[in-house]
């Protein structure tokens, strides 16, 4: 099927009454999410745990499957991973966080940033496709569904246009959430890399919301919604190419923003409530070891380790081990031996993450 990718902005008006109505609801949910994020005392708690959730779900769209257990038992800094899929998820999470820092710092999301994100995901530096032959196929039948641009020059030209569209708000007066959905479709259609296009495209979604100040932290993981509606996601992507059906695609993406914002608000409220409960118990039952830093540590990592505590609290291994053992005695953590390491699980927090995915 031949789809001639248009340059952005599109000449047609794609903001129908239904789309604009849906934008209002999506913005309301997103604004509430942005507000509640600021009520968690340490933003790293959300960045670390939720970016890992996004990484897990986005990788799952590409059939890279790992479990919460494997994720939380892995240590990115020490390069200790429970499986090869887990390593890929951590690469994704790292790419998302580095992209977030760049966008916050410069207020831009450039082609070069996108290349760096893809390099971090795929752990290679192949850059934009330079050879022809890439096609998108039906996983079951092997039938070619779509052939993206084959020429390197065409890819570079389209990505240059996309970069301008992302960063120059004066080019188009569409709603920012409509722009995000169009950017995602355009990027997936250009398919500029040999591998990692889907995951890179889903990181761009979150970073665009950060760039437009619709979010302050990368905590909206749309990949969960895409994963739950995978068949529809691919069908609607294709329907734009075959039938110019922008409305259904935009409504799908706006629904994703609204639904996942509301789910994430619920999760953050539950984390906040749980932190408060742990704080009160630590103060009452372990007043000698209580500190906000220790509380933050056991919420930044559902599985924590002695090394994490020594690093976060700047204490000796002996002291860190003592703190963790005392938290076990009052039932706030449980101890698990994996290989040569002891891991200390915040069971209640772990359960929250399991429930949200059910």
C-alpha atoms as a PDB file:
ATOM      1  CA  UNK A   1       0.000   0.000   0.000  1.00  0.00           C
ATOM      2  CA  UNK A   2       1.397   3.383  -1.015  1.00  0.00           C
ATOM      3  CA  UNK A   3       0.878   6.171   1.511  1.00  0.00           C
ATOM      4  CA  UNK A   4       2.439   9.484   0.620  1.00  0.00           C
ATOM      5  CA  UNK A   5       3.445  11.001   3.964  1.00  0.00           C
ATOM      6  CA  UNK A   6       2.354  14.650   4.033  1.00  0.00           C
ATOM      7  CA  UNK A   7       4.487  17.427   5.457  1.00  0.00           C
ATOM      8  CA  UNK A   8       3.154  18.993   8.659  1.00  0.00           C
ATOM      9  CA  UNK A   9       1.025  20.855   9.405  1.00  0.00           C
ATOM     10  CA  UNK A  10      -1.689  19.141   7.380  1.00  0.00           C
ATOM     11  CA  UNK A  11      -3.735  21.322   5.038  1.00  0.00           C
ATOM     12  CA  UNK A  12      -7.033  19.779   6.184  1.00  0.00           C
ATOM     13  CA  UNK A  13      -8.859  20.689   9.383  1.00  0.00           C
ATOM     14  CA  UNK A  14      -8.825  17.598  11.583  1.00  0.00           C
ATOM     15  CA  UNK A  15     -10.257  19.141  14.765  1.00  0.00           C
ATOM     16  CA  UNK A  16     -13.881  18.012  14.490  1.00  0.00           C
ATOM     17  CA  UNK A  17     -16.476  18.851  17.144  1.00  0.00           C
ATOM     18  CA  UNK A  18     -16.065  15.360  18.666  1.00  0.00           C
ATOM     19  CA  UNK A  19     -12.289  15.752  18.811  1.00  0.00           C
ATOM     20  CA  UNK A  20     -12.464  19.182  20.495  1.00  0.00           C
ATOM     21  CA  UNK A  21     -15.031  17.887  22.998  1.00  0.00           C
ATOM     22  CA  UNK A  22     -12.746  14.969  23.844  1.00  0.00           C
ATOM     23  CA  UNK A  23      -9.770  17.351  24.159  1.00  0.00           C
ATOM     24  CA  UNK A  24     -11.546  19.149  27.020  1.00  0.00           C
ATOM     25  CA  UNK A  25     -11.940  15.935  29.049  1.00  0.00           C
ATOM     26  CA  UNK A  26      -8.376  14.796  28.331  1.00  0.00           C
ATOM     27  CA  UNK A  27      -6.977  18.191  29.384  1.00  0.00           C
ATOM     28  CA  UNK A  28      -8.983  18.163  32.618  1.00  0.00           C
ATOM     29  CA  UNK A  29      -7.615  14.743  33.590  1.00  0.00           C
ATOM     30  CA  UNK A  30      -4.071  15.696  32.572  1.00  0.00           C
ATOM     31  CA  UNK A  31      -4.204  18.958  34.564  1.00  0.00           C
ATOM     32  CA  UNK A  32      -5.341  17.055  37.654  1.00  0.00           C
ATOM     33  CA  UNK A  33      -2.475  14.603  37.188  1.00  0.00           C
ATOM     34  CA  UNK A  34       0.038  17.439  36.826  1.00  0.00           C
ATOM     35  CA  UNK A  35      -1.277  18.943  40.070  1.00  0.00           C
ATOM     36  CA  UNK A  36      -1.208  15.776  42.172  1.00  0.00           C
ATOM     37  CA  UNK A  37       2.367  14.950  41.124  1.00  0.00           C
ATOM     38  CA  UNK A  38       3.587  17.941  43.177  1.00  0.00           C
ATOM     39  CA  UNK A  39       2.104  16.499  46.386  1.00  0.00           C
ATOM     40  CA  UNK A  40       4.617  13.630  46.587  1.00  0.00           C
ATOM     41  CA  UNK A  41       7.573  14.804  48.752  1.00  0.00           C
ATOM     42  CA  UNK A  42      10.327  13.438  46.529  1.00  0.00           C
ATOM     43  CA  UNK A  43       9.751  13.517  42.765  1.00  0.00           C
ATOM     44  CA  UNK A  44      12.288  10.703  42.216  1.00  0.00           C
ATOM     45  CA  UNK A  45       9.832   8.308  43.862  1.00  0.00           C
ATOM     46  CA  UNK A  46       7.411   8.818  40.977  1.00  0.00           C
ATOM     47  CA  UNK A  47      10.021   9.218  38.248  1.00  0.00           C
ATOM     48  CA  UNK A  48      11.767   5.953  39.165  1.00  0.00           C
ATOM     49  CA  UNK A  49       8.731   3.767  39.765  1.00  0.00           C
ATOM     50  CA  UNK A  50       6.388   5.106  37.069  1.00  0.00           C
ATOM     51  CA  UNK A  51       8.990   5.409  34.301  1.00  0.00           C
ATOM     52  CA  UNK A  52       9.761   1.741  34.914  1.00  0.00           C
ATOM     53  CA  UNK A  53       6.039   0.968  34.506  1.00  0.00           C
ATOM     54  CA  UNK A  54       5.959   2.880  31.204  1.00  0.00           C
ATOM     55  CA  UNK A  55       9.093   1.064  30.044  1.00  0.00           C
ATOM     56  CA  UNK A  56       7.566  -2.311  30.927  1.00  0.00           C
ATOM     57  CA  UNK A  57       4.284  -1.621  29.108  1.00  0.00           C
ATOM     58  CA  UNK A  58       5.885  -0.012  26.055  1.00  0.00           C
ATOM     59  CA  UNK A  59       8.289  -2.933  25.654  1.00  0.00           C
ATOM     60  CA  UNK A  60       5.363  -5.335  25.999  1.00  0.00           C
ATOM     61  CA  UNK A  61       3.710  -3.742  22.926  1.00  0.00           C
ATOM     62  CA  UNK A  62       6.772  -5.087  21.041  1.00  0.00           C
ATOM     63  CA  UNK A  63       6.425  -8.520  22.718  1.00  0.00           C
ATOM     64  CA  UNK A  64       9.384  -7.880  25.051  1.00  0.00           C
ATOM     65  CA  UNK A  65       7.865  -9.375  28.166  1.00  0.00           C
ATOM     66  CA  UNK A  66       9.147  -9.137  31.726  1.00  0.00           C
ATOM     67  CA  UNK A  67       7.536  -9.265  35.165  1.00  0.00           C
ATOM     68  CA  UNK A  68       7.375  -6.768  38.014  1.00  0.00           C
ATOM     69  CA  UNK A  69       9.425  -9.218  40.036  1.00  0.00           C
ATOM     70  CA  UNK A  70      12.237  -9.324  37.486  1.00  0.00           C
ATOM     71  CA  UNK A  71      12.185  -5.539  37.111  1.00  0.00           C
ATOM     72  CA  UNK A  72      12.388  -4.672  40.771  1.00  0.00           C
ATOM     73  CA  UNK A  73      15.060  -7.287  41.452  1.00  0.00           C
ATOM     74  CA  UNK A  74      17.331  -5.820  38.775  1.00  0.00           C
ATOM     75  CA  UNK A  75      19.933  -3.131  39.383  1.00  0.00           C
ATOM     76  CA  UNK A  76      20.595  -0.883  36.369  1.00  0.00           C
ATOM     77  CA  UNK A  77      23.646   0.844  37.836  1.00  0.00           C
ATOM     78  CA  UNK A  78      25.316  -2.444  38.747  1.00  0.00           C
ATOM     79  CA  UNK A  79      24.204  -3.894  35.382  1.00  0.00           C
ATOM     80  CA  UNK A  80      22.566  -6.853  37.110  1.00  0.00           C
ATOM     81  CA  UNK A  81      19.437  -7.909  35.235  1.00  0.00           C
ATOM     82  CA  UNK A  82      17.042 -10.775  35.885  1.00  0.00           C
ATOM     83  CA  UNK A  83      16.616 -11.415  32.123  1.00  0.00           C
ATOM     84  CA  UNK A  84      17.521  -9.985  28.717  1.00  0.00           C
ATOM     85  CA  UNK A  85      13.973  -8.552  28.439  1.00  0.00           C
ATOM     86  CA  UNK A  86      14.477  -6.795  31.777  1.00  0.00           C
ATOM     87  CA  UNK A  87      17.680  -5.228  30.481  1.00  0.00           C
ATOM     88  CA  UNK A  88      15.767  -3.883  27.458  1.00  0.00           C
ATOM     89  CA  UNK A  89      13.105  -2.407  29.729  1.00  0.00           C
ATOM     90  CA  UNK A  90      15.790  -0.655  31.795  1.00  0.00           C
ATOM     91  CA  UNK A  91      17.402   0.681  28.605  1.00  0.00           C
ATOM     92  CA  UNK A  92      14.012   2.142  27.677  1.00  0.00           C
ATOM     93  CA  UNK A  93      13.520   3.666  31.125  1.00  0.00           C
ATOM     94  CA  UNK A  94      16.994   5.199  30.975  1.00  0.00           C
ATOM     95  CA  UNK A  95      16.307   6.624  27.492  1.00  0.00           C
ATOM     96  CA  UNK A  96      13.053   8.168  28.764  1.00  0.00           C
ATOM     97  CA  UNK A  97      14.713   9.760  31.806  1.00  0.00           C
ATOM     98  CA  UNK A  98      17.644  11.165  29.805  1.00  0.00           C
ATOM     99  CA  UNK A  99      15.223  12.540  27.209  1.00  0.00           C
ATOM    100  CA  UNK A 100      13.199  14.117  30.022  1.00  0.00           C
ATOM    101  CA  UNK A 101      16.293  15.884  31.385  1.00  0.00           C
ATOM    102  CA  UNK A 102      17.167  17.228  27.919  1.00  0.00           C
ATOM    103  CA  UNK A 103      13.671  18.561  27.247  1.00  0.00           C
ATOM    104  CA  UNK A 104      13.426  20.173  30.705  1.00  0.00           C
ATOM    105  CA  UNK A 105      16.822  21.791  30.246  1.00  0.00           C
ATOM    106  CA  UNK A 106      16.415  23.127  26.691  1.00  0.00           C
ATOM    107  CA  UNK A 107      12.678  23.195  26.048  1.00  0.00           C
ATOM    108  CA  UNK A 108      13.286  21.482  22.705  1.00  0.00           C
ATOM    109  CA  UNK A 109      12.876  17.991  21.280  1.00  0.00           C
ATOM    110  CA  UNK A 110      15.118  17.715  18.216  1.00  0.00           C
ATOM    111  CA  UNK A 111      15.872  14.988  15.658  1.00  0.00           C
ATOM    112  CA  UNK A 112      19.226  14.573  17.362  1.00  0.00           C
ATOM    113  CA  UNK A 113      17.500  14.003  20.733  1.00  0.00           C
ATOM    114  CA  UNK A 114      15.283  11.387  19.058  1.00  0.00           C
ATOM    115  CA  UNK A 115      18.339   9.621  17.599  1.00  0.00           C
ATOM    116  CA  UNK A 116      19.977   9.576  21.072  1.00  0.00           C
ATOM    117  CA  UNK A 117      16.777   8.121  22.592  1.00  0.00           C
ATOM    118  CA  UNK A 118      16.692   5.337  19.994  1.00  0.00           C
ATOM    119  CA  UNK A 119      20.415   4.633  20.511  1.00  0.00           C
ATOM    120  CA  UNK A 120      19.817   4.219  24.264  1.00  0.00           C
ATOM    121  CA  UNK A 121      16.889   1.852  23.657  1.00  0.00           C
ATOM    122  CA  UNK A 122      18.610  -0.296  21.056  1.00  0.00           C
ATOM    123  CA  UNK A 123      22.191   0.097  22.359  1.00  0.00           C
ATOM    124  CA  UNK A 124      23.508   0.866  18.875  1.00  0.00           C
ATOM    125  CA  UNK A 125      24.297   3.951  16.806  1.00  0.00           C
ATOM    126  CA  UNK A 126      22.798   2.980  13.458  1.00  0.00           C
ATOM    127  CA  UNK A 127      20.940   6.316  13.141  1.00  0.00           C
ATOM    128  CA  UNK A 128      18.286   6.914  10.474  1.00  0.00           C
ATOM    129  CA  UNK A 129      17.815   4.108   7.939  1.00  0.00           C
ATOM    130  CA  UNK A 130      20.255   4.347   5.043  1.00  0.00           C
ATOM    131  CA  UNK A 131      19.268   1.154   3.187  1.00  0.00           C
ATOM    132  CA  UNK A 132      15.974   0.233   1.587  1.00  0.00           C
ATOM    133  CA  UNK A 133      14.010  -2.925   2.325  1.00  0.00           C
ATOM    134  CA  UNK A 134      12.139  -2.033   5.522  1.00  0.00           C
ATOM    135  CA  UNK A 135       8.453  -3.028   5.519  1.00  0.00           C
ATOM    136  CA  UNK A 136       5.795  -3.384   8.231  1.00  0.00           C
ATOM    137  CA  UNK A 137       4.190  -6.805   8.209  1.00  0.00           C
ATOM    138  CA  UNK A 138       1.286  -8.576   9.837  1.00  0.00           C
ATOM    139  CA  UNK A 139       2.849 -10.647  12.647  1.00  0.00           C
ATOM    140  CA  UNK A 140       0.526 -13.609  12.032  1.00  0.00           C
ATOM    141  CA  UNK A 141       0.385 -13.779   8.219  1.00  0.00           C
ATOM    142  CA  UNK A 142       3.625 -12.052   7.175  1.00  0.00           C
ATOM    143  CA  UNK A 143       1.594  -9.904   4.757  1.00  0.00           C
ATOM    144  CA  UNK A 144       3.127  -6.481   4.045  1.00  0.00           C
ATOM    145  CA  UNK A 145       0.770  -3.885   5.522  1.00  0.00           C
ATOM    146  CA  UNK A 146       2.769  -0.731   4.938  1.00  0.00           C
ATOM    147  CA  UNK A 147       6.034   0.310   3.307  1.00  0.00           C
ATOM    148  CA  UNK A 148       7.605   3.382   4.948  1.00  0.00           C
ATOM    149  CA  UNK A 149       9.915   5.775   3.033  1.00  0.00           C
ATOM    150  CA  UNK A 150      12.920   3.877   1.673  1.00  0.00           C
ATOM    151  CA  UNK A 151      15.270   6.741   0.759  1.00  0.00           C
ATOM    152  CA  UNK A 152      17.597   8.148   3.430  1.00  0.00           C
ATOM    153  CA  UNK A 153      17.144  11.656   2.013  1.00  0.00           C
ATOM    154  CA  UNK A 154      13.362  11.395   2.215  1.00  0.00           C
ATOM    155  CA  UNK A 155      13.573  10.162   5.822  1.00  0.00           C
ATOM    156  CA  UNK A 156      15.887  13.041   6.772  1.00  0.00           C
ATOM    157  CA  UNK A 157      13.577  15.557   5.033  1.00  0.00           C
ATOM    158  CA  UNK A 158      10.466  14.256   6.788  1.00  0.00           C
ATOM    159  CA  UNK A 159      12.211  14.138  10.187  1.00  0.00           C
ATOM    160  CA  UNK A 160      13.444  17.709   9.680  1.00  0.00           C
ATOM    161  CA  UNK A 161       9.856  18.786   8.991  1.00  0.00           C
ATOM    162  CA  UNK A 162       8.651  16.841  12.052  1.00  0.00           C
ATOM    163  CA  UNK A 163      11.311  18.517  14.218  1.00  0.00           C
ATOM    164  CA  UNK A 164      10.051  21.948  13.113  1.00  0.00           C
ATOM    165  CA  UNK A 165       6.441  20.951  13.801  1.00  0.00           C
ATOM    166  CA  UNK A 166       7.343  19.708  17.302  1.00  0.00           C
ATOM    167  CA  UNK A 167       9.286  22.827  18.267  1.00  0.00           C
ATOM    168  CA  UNK A 168       7.601  25.721  16.436  1.00  0.00           C
ATOM    169  CA  UNK A 169       4.181  26.345  17.990  1.00  0.00           C
ATOM    170  CA  UNK A 170       3.437  29.162  15.543  1.00  0.00           C
ATOM    171  CA  UNK A 171       3.183  26.720  12.604  1.00  0.00           C
ATOM    172  CA  UNK A 172      -0.213  25.467  13.670  1.00  0.00           C
ATOM    173  CA  UNK A 173      -2.956  26.384  16.151  1.00  0.00           C
ATOM    174  CA  UNK A 174      -4.184  22.854  16.818  1.00  0.00           C
ATOM    175  CA  UNK A 175      -4.684  21.750  20.404  1.00  0.00           C
ATOM    176  CA  UNK A 176      -1.453  20.355  21.893  1.00  0.00           C
ATOM    177  CA  UNK A 177      -2.999  16.922  22.479  1.00  0.00           C
ATOM    178  CA  UNK A 178      -4.113  16.776  18.842  1.00  0.00           C
ATOM    179  CA  UNK A 179      -0.559  17.724  17.859  1.00  0.00           C
ATOM    180  CA  UNK A 180       0.827  14.942  20.052  1.00  0.00           C
ATOM    181  CA  UNK A 181      -1.390  12.377  18.305  1.00  0.00           C
ATOM    182  CA  UNK A 182      -0.417  13.695  14.855  1.00  0.00           C
ATOM    183  CA  UNK A 183       3.302  13.704  15.790  1.00  0.00           C
ATOM    184  CA  UNK A 184       3.007  10.094  16.945  1.00  0.00           C
ATOM    185  CA  UNK A 185       1.303   9.021  13.723  1.00  0.00           C
ATOM    186  CA  UNK A 186       3.809  10.912  11.590  1.00  0.00           C
ATOM    187  CA  UNK A 187       6.816   9.426  13.387  1.00  0.00           C
ATOM    188  CA  UNK A 188       5.471   5.868  13.194  1.00  0.00           C
ATOM    189  CA  UNK A 189       4.748   6.355   9.468  1.00  0.00           C
ATOM    190  CA  UNK A 190       8.237   7.719   8.747  1.00  0.00           C
ATOM    191  CA  UNK A 191       9.606   4.741  10.728  1.00  0.00           C
ATOM    192  CA  UNK A 192      13.080   6.325  10.551  1.00  0.00           C
ATOM    193  CA  UNK A 193      15.069   3.604  12.352  1.00  0.00           C
ATOM    194  CA  UNK A 194      15.796  -0.049  11.611  1.00  0.00           C
ATOM    195  CA  UNK A 195      14.567  -0.982  15.117  1.00  0.00           C
ATOM    196  CA  UNK A 196      12.977   0.637  18.144  1.00  0.00           C
ATOM    197  CA  UNK A 197      10.543   2.926  16.287  1.00  0.00           C
ATOM    198  CA  UNK A 198       7.500   1.996  18.385  1.00  0.00           C
ATOM    199  CA  UNK A 199       9.250   2.500  21.702  1.00  0.00           C
ATOM    200  CA  UNK A 200      10.969   5.699  20.566  1.00  0.00           C
ATOM    201  CA  UNK A 201       7.620   7.048  19.331  1.00  0.00           C
ATOM    202  CA  UNK A 202       5.970   6.363  22.671  1.00  0.00           C
ATOM    203  CA  UNK A 203       8.747   8.219  24.510  1.00  0.00           C
ATOM    204  CA  UNK A 204       8.207  11.180  22.163  1.00  0.00           C
ATOM    205  CA  UNK A 205       4.543  11.268  23.322  1.00  0.00           C
ATOM    206  CA  UNK A 206       5.513  11.825  26.958  1.00  0.00           C
ATOM    207  CA  UNK A 207       8.350  14.235  26.175  1.00  0.00           C
ATOM    208  CA  UNK A 208       6.082  16.373  23.979  1.00  0.00           C
ATOM    209  CA  UNK A 209       3.655  16.751  26.905  1.00  0.00           C
ATOM    210  CA  UNK A 210       6.608  17.805  29.091  1.00  0.00           C
ATOM    211  CA  UNK A 211       7.812  20.259  26.439  1.00  0.00           C
ATOM    212  CA  UNK A 212       4.366  21.852  26.208  1.00  0.00           C
ATOM    213  CA  UNK A 213       4.209  22.063  30.038  1.00  0.00           C
ATOM    214  CA  UNK A 214       1.153  19.814  30.196  1.00  0.00           C
ATOM    215  CA  UNK A 215       3.152  17.577  32.561  1.00  0.00           C
ATOM    216  CA  UNK A 216       6.074  18.381  34.853  1.00  0.00           C
ATOM    217  CA  UNK A 217       7.281  14.784  35.240  1.00  0.00           C
ATOM    218  CA  UNK A 218       7.239  11.835  32.788  1.00  0.00           C
ATOM    219  CA  UNK A 219       4.537   9.909  34.651  1.00  0.00           C
ATOM    220  CA  UNK A 220       1.813   9.445  32.011  1.00  0.00           C
ATOM    221  CA  UNK A 221       2.426   6.009  30.606  1.00  0.00           C
ATOM    222  CA  UNK A 222       0.151   5.796  27.560  1.00  0.00           C
ATOM    223  CA  UNK A 223       1.768   2.497  26.616  1.00  0.00           C
ATOM    224  CA  UNK A 224      -0.487   0.687  29.080  1.00  0.00           C
ATOM    225  CA  UNK A 225      -3.580   1.865  27.180  1.00  0.00           C
ATOM    226  CA  UNK A 226      -1.953   1.025  23.832  1.00  0.00           C
ATOM    227  CA  UNK A 227      -1.083  -2.416  25.162  1.00  0.00           C
ATOM    228  CA  UNK A 228      -4.650  -2.997  26.337  1.00  0.00           C
ATOM    229  CA  UNK A 229      -5.981  -1.948  22.892  1.00  0.00           C
ATOM    230  CA  UNK A 230      -3.102  -3.085  20.708  1.00  0.00           C
ATOM    231  CA  UNK A 231      -5.162  -4.354  17.773  1.00  0.00           C
ATOM    232  CA  UNK A 232      -7.213  -1.150  17.630  1.00  0.00           C
ATOM    233  CA  UNK A 233      -4.067   0.980  17.926  1.00  0.00           C
ATOM    234  CA  UNK A 234      -2.481  -0.618  14.849  1.00  0.00           C
ATOM    235  CA  UNK A 235      -5.782  -0.659  12.945  1.00  0.00           C
ATOM    236  CA  UNK A 236      -6.367   3.075  13.496  1.00  0.00           C
ATOM    237  CA  UNK A 237      -2.751   3.957  12.645  1.00  0.00           C
ATOM    238  CA  UNK A 238      -3.313   2.196   9.325  1.00  0.00           C
ATOM    239  CA  UNK A 239      -6.793   3.669   8.756  1.00  0.00           C
ATOM    240  CA  UNK A 240      -5.259   7.151   8.546  1.00  0.00           C
ATOM    241  CA  UNK A 241      -2.943   5.884   5.788  1.00  0.00           C
ATOM    242  CA  UNK A 242      -5.624   4.026   3.835  1.00  0.00           C
ATOM    243  CA  UNK A 243      -8.743   6.166   4.398  1.00  0.00           C
ATOM    244  CA  UNK A 244      -7.424   9.484   5.782  1.00  0.00           C
ATOM    245  CA  UNK A 245      -9.447   8.709   8.940  1.00  0.00           C
ATOM    246  CA  UNK A 246      -7.910  11.167  11.367  1.00  0.00           C
ATOM    247  CA  UNK A 247     -10.931  11.530  13.632  1.00  0.00           C
ATOM    248  CA  UNK A 248     -10.964   7.972  15.009  1.00  0.00           C
ATOM    249  CA  UNK A 249      -7.188   8.022  15.507  1.00  0.00           C
ATOM    250  CA  UNK A 250      -7.338  11.325  17.406  1.00  0.00           C
ATOM    251  CA  UNK A 251     -10.248  10.151  19.556  1.00  0.00           C
ATOM    252  CA  UNK A 252      -8.321   6.957  20.414  1.00  0.00           C
ATOM    253  CA  UNK A 253      -5.248   8.905  21.553  1.00  0.00           C
ATOM    254  CA  UNK A 254      -7.310  11.469  23.498  1.00  0.00           C
ATOM    255  CA  UNK A 255      -9.162   8.636  25.238  1.00  0.00           C
ATOM    256  CA  UNK A 256      -5.774   7.134  26.139  1.00  0.00           C
ATOM    257  CA  UNK A 257      -4.637  10.435  27.699  1.00  0.00           C
ATOM    258  CA  UNK A 258      -7.847  10.785  29.714  1.00  0.00           C
ATOM    259  CA  UNK A 259      -8.075   7.170  30.911  1.00  0.00           C
ATOM    260  CA  UNK A 260      -4.403   6.796  31.827  1.00  0.00           C
ATOM    261  CA  UNK A 261      -4.307  10.206  33.551  1.00  0.00           C
ATOM    262  CA  UNK A 262      -7.205   9.110  35.772  1.00  0.00           C
ATOM    263  CA  UNK A 263      -5.596   5.716  36.490  1.00  0.00           C
ATOM    264  CA  UNK A 264      -2.277   7.377  37.338  1.00  0.00           C
ATOM    265  CA  UNK A 265      -3.997   9.911  39.640  1.00  0.00           C
ATOM    266  CA  UNK A 266      -5.574   6.974  41.481  1.00  0.00           C
ATOM    267  CA  UNK A 267      -2.182   5.241  41.751  1.00  0.00           C
ATOM    268  CA  UNK A 268      -0.376   8.368  43.012  1.00  0.00           C
ATOM    269  CA  UNK A 269      -3.085   8.967  45.640  1.00  0.00           C
ATOM    270  CA  UNK A 270      -2.663   5.362  46.789  1.00  0.00           C
ATOM    271  CA  UNK A 271       1.156   5.750  46.958  1.00  0.00           C
ATOM    272  CA  UNK A 272       0.775   8.988  48.933  1.00  0.00           C
ATOM    273  CA  UNK A 273      -1.646   7.383  51.398  1.00  0.00           C
ATOM    274  CA  UNK A 274       0.645   4.386  51.816  1.00  0.00           C
ATOM    275  CA  UNK A 275       3.679   6.620  52.422  1.00  0.00           C
ATOM    276  CA  UNK A 276       1.779   8.488  55.117  1.00  0.00           C
ATOM    277  CA  UNK A 277       0.780   5.219  56.769  1.00  0.00           C
ATOM    278  CA  UNK A 278       4.396   3.905  56.700  1.00  0.00           C
ATOM    279  CA  UNK A 279       5.647   7.237  58.028  1.00  0.00           C
ATOM    280  CA  UNK A 280       3.306   7.152  61.039  1.00  0.00           C
ATOM    281  CA  UNK A 281       4.243   3.543  61.825  1.00  0.00           C
ATOM    282  CA  UNK A 282       7.979   4.204  61.505  1.00  0.00           C
ATOM    283  CA  UNK A 283       7.729   7.225  63.788  1.00  0.00           C
ATOM    284  CA  UNK A 284       5.690   5.297  66.360  1.00  0.00           C
ATOM    285  CA  UNK A 285       7.448   1.924  66.256  1.00  0.00           C
ATOM    286  CA  UNK A 286      10.987   2.785  65.075  1.00  0.00           C
ATOM    287  CA  UNK A 287      11.589   6.385  66.200  1.00  0.00           C
ATOM    288  CA  UNK A 288      15.384   5.862  66.485  1.00  0.00           C
ATOM    289  CA  UNK A 289      15.819   4.975  62.817  1.00  0.00           C
ATOM    290  CA  UNK A 290      13.009   7.025  61.238  1.00  0.00           C
ATOM    291  CA  UNK A 291      14.025   9.610  58.634  1.00  0.00           C
ATOM    292  CA  UNK A 292      12.313  11.018  55.551  1.00  0.00           C
ATOM    293  CA  UNK A 293      15.282   9.735  53.506  1.00  0.00           C
ATOM    294  CA  UNK A 294      14.742   6.156  54.701  1.00  0.00           C
ATOM    295  CA  UNK A 295      11.011   6.409  53.969  1.00  0.00           C
ATOM    296  CA  UNK A 296      11.787   7.775  50.487  1.00  0.00           C
ATOM    297  CA  UNK A 297      14.218   4.918  49.874  1.00  0.00           C
ATOM    298  CA  UNK A 298      11.699   2.159  50.480  1.00  0.00           C
ATOM    299  CA  UNK A 299       9.260   3.901  48.119  1.00  0.00           C
ATOM    300  CA  UNK A 300      11.762   4.649  45.353  1.00  0.00           C
ATOM    301  CA  UNK A 301      12.541   0.946  45.039  1.00  0.00           C
ATOM    302  CA  UNK A 302       9.724  -1.551  45.822  1.00  0.00           C
ATOM    303  CA  UNK A 303      12.700  -3.920  46.232  1.00  0.00           C
ATOM    304  CA  UNK A 304      15.505  -2.129  48.022  1.00  0.00           C
ATOM    305  CA  UNK A 305      19.022  -3.358  48.846  1.00  0.00           C
ATOM    306  CA  UNK A 306      21.666  -2.522  51.433  1.00  0.00           C
ATOM    307  CA  UNK A 307      23.620  -0.725  48.663  1.00  0.00           C
ATOM    308  CA  UNK A 308      20.635   1.520  47.846  1.00  0.00           C
ATOM    309  CA  UNK A 309      20.262   2.526  51.499  1.00  0.00           C
ATOM    310  CA  UNK A 310      23.989   3.229  51.971  1.00  0.00           C
ATOM    311  CA  UNK A 311      23.921   5.393  48.835  1.00  0.00           C
ATOM    312  CA  UNK A 312      20.713   7.315  49.654  1.00  0.00           C
ATOM    313  CA  UNK A 313      21.324   7.818  53.369  1.00  0.00           C
ATOM    314  CA  UNK A 314      25.153   8.011  53.321  1.00  0.00           C
ATOM    315  CA  UNK A 315      25.454   5.389  56.081  1.00  0.00           C
ATOM    316  CA  UNK A 316      27.653   2.310  56.503  1.00  0.00           C
ATOM    317  CA  UNK A 317      26.607  -1.131  55.270  1.00  0.00           C
ATOM    318  CA  UNK A 318      26.203  -2.260  58.891  1.00  0.00           C
ATOM    319  CA  UNK A 319      23.840   0.610  59.685  1.00  0.00           C
ATOM    320  CA  UNK A 320      21.887   0.125  56.444  1.00  0.00           C
ATOM    321  CA  UNK A 321      21.458  -3.600  57.191  1.00  0.00           C
ATOM    322  CA  UNK A 322      20.280  -2.778  60.723  1.00  0.00           C
ATOM    323  CA  UNK A 323      17.671  -0.308  59.436  1.00  0.00           C
ATOM    324  CA  UNK A 324      16.296  -2.826  56.944  1.00  0.00           C
ATOM    325  CA  UNK A 325      16.136  -5.644  59.509  1.00  0.00           C
ATOM    326  CA  UNK A 326      14.212  -3.390  61.899  1.00  0.00           C
ATOM    327  CA  UNK A 327      11.730  -2.505  59.163  1.00  0.00           C
ATOM    328  CA  UNK A 328      11.205  -6.265  58.684  1.00  0.00           C
ATOM    329  CA  UNK A 329      10.492  -6.795  62.389  1.00  0.00           C
ATOM    330  CA  UNK A 330       7.553  -4.357  62.284  1.00  0.00           C
ATOM    331  CA  UNK A 331       6.254  -5.842  59.021  1.00  0.00           C
ATOM    332  CA  UNK A 332       6.964  -2.919  56.687  1.00  0.00           C
ATOM    333  CA  UNK A 333       9.375  -4.944  54.527  1.00  0.00           C
ATOM    334  CA  UNK A 334       9.965  -8.615  53.770  1.00  0.00           C
ATOM    335  CA  UNK A 335      13.352 -10.177  52.991  1.00  0.00           C
ATOM    336  CA  UNK A 336      14.108 -12.202  49.859  1.00  0.00           C
ATOM    337  CA  UNK A 337      17.322 -13.969  48.912  1.00  0.00           C
ATOM    338  CA  UNK A 338      18.089 -13.856  45.186  1.00  0.00           C
ATOM    339  CA  UNK A 339      21.434 -15.344  44.166  1.00  0.00           C
ATOM    340  CA  UNK A 340      24.034 -13.795  46.449  1.00  0.00           C
ATOM    341  CA  UNK A 341      21.942 -10.724  47.276  1.00  0.00           C
ATOM    342  CA  UNK A 342      19.301  -9.920  49.855  1.00  0.00           C
ATOM    343  CA  UNK A 343      16.385  -7.831  48.605  1.00  0.00           C
ATOM    344  CA  UNK A 344      13.929  -6.064  50.885  1.00  0.00           C
ATOM    345  CA  UNK A 345      10.417  -5.767  49.477  1.00  0.00           C
ATOM    346  CA  UNK A 346       7.892  -3.067  50.326  1.00  0.00           C
ATOM    347  CA  UNK A 347       5.014  -5.555  49.937  1.00  0.00           C
ATOM    348  CA  UNK A 348       2.199  -3.012  50.110  1.00  0.00           C
ATOM    349  CA  UNK A 349       3.762  -0.795  47.413  1.00  0.00           C
ATOM    350  CA  UNK A 350       4.450  -3.815  45.228  1.00  0.00           C
ATOM    351  CA  UNK A 351       0.802  -4.812  45.516  1.00  0.00           C
ATOM    352  CA  UNK A 352      -0.301  -1.369  44.305  1.00  0.00           C
ATOM    353  CA  UNK A 353       1.645  -1.840  41.071  1.00  0.00           C
ATOM    354  CA  UNK A 354       0.224  -5.323  40.568  1.00  0.00           C
ATOM    355  CA  UNK A 355      -3.351  -4.092  41.117  1.00  0.00           C
ATOM    356  CA  UNK A 356      -3.056  -1.186  38.704  1.00  0.00           C
ATOM    357  CA  UNK A 357      -2.217  -3.598  35.881  1.00  0.00           C
ATOM    358  CA  UNK A 358      -5.130  -5.925  36.549  1.00  0.00           C
END
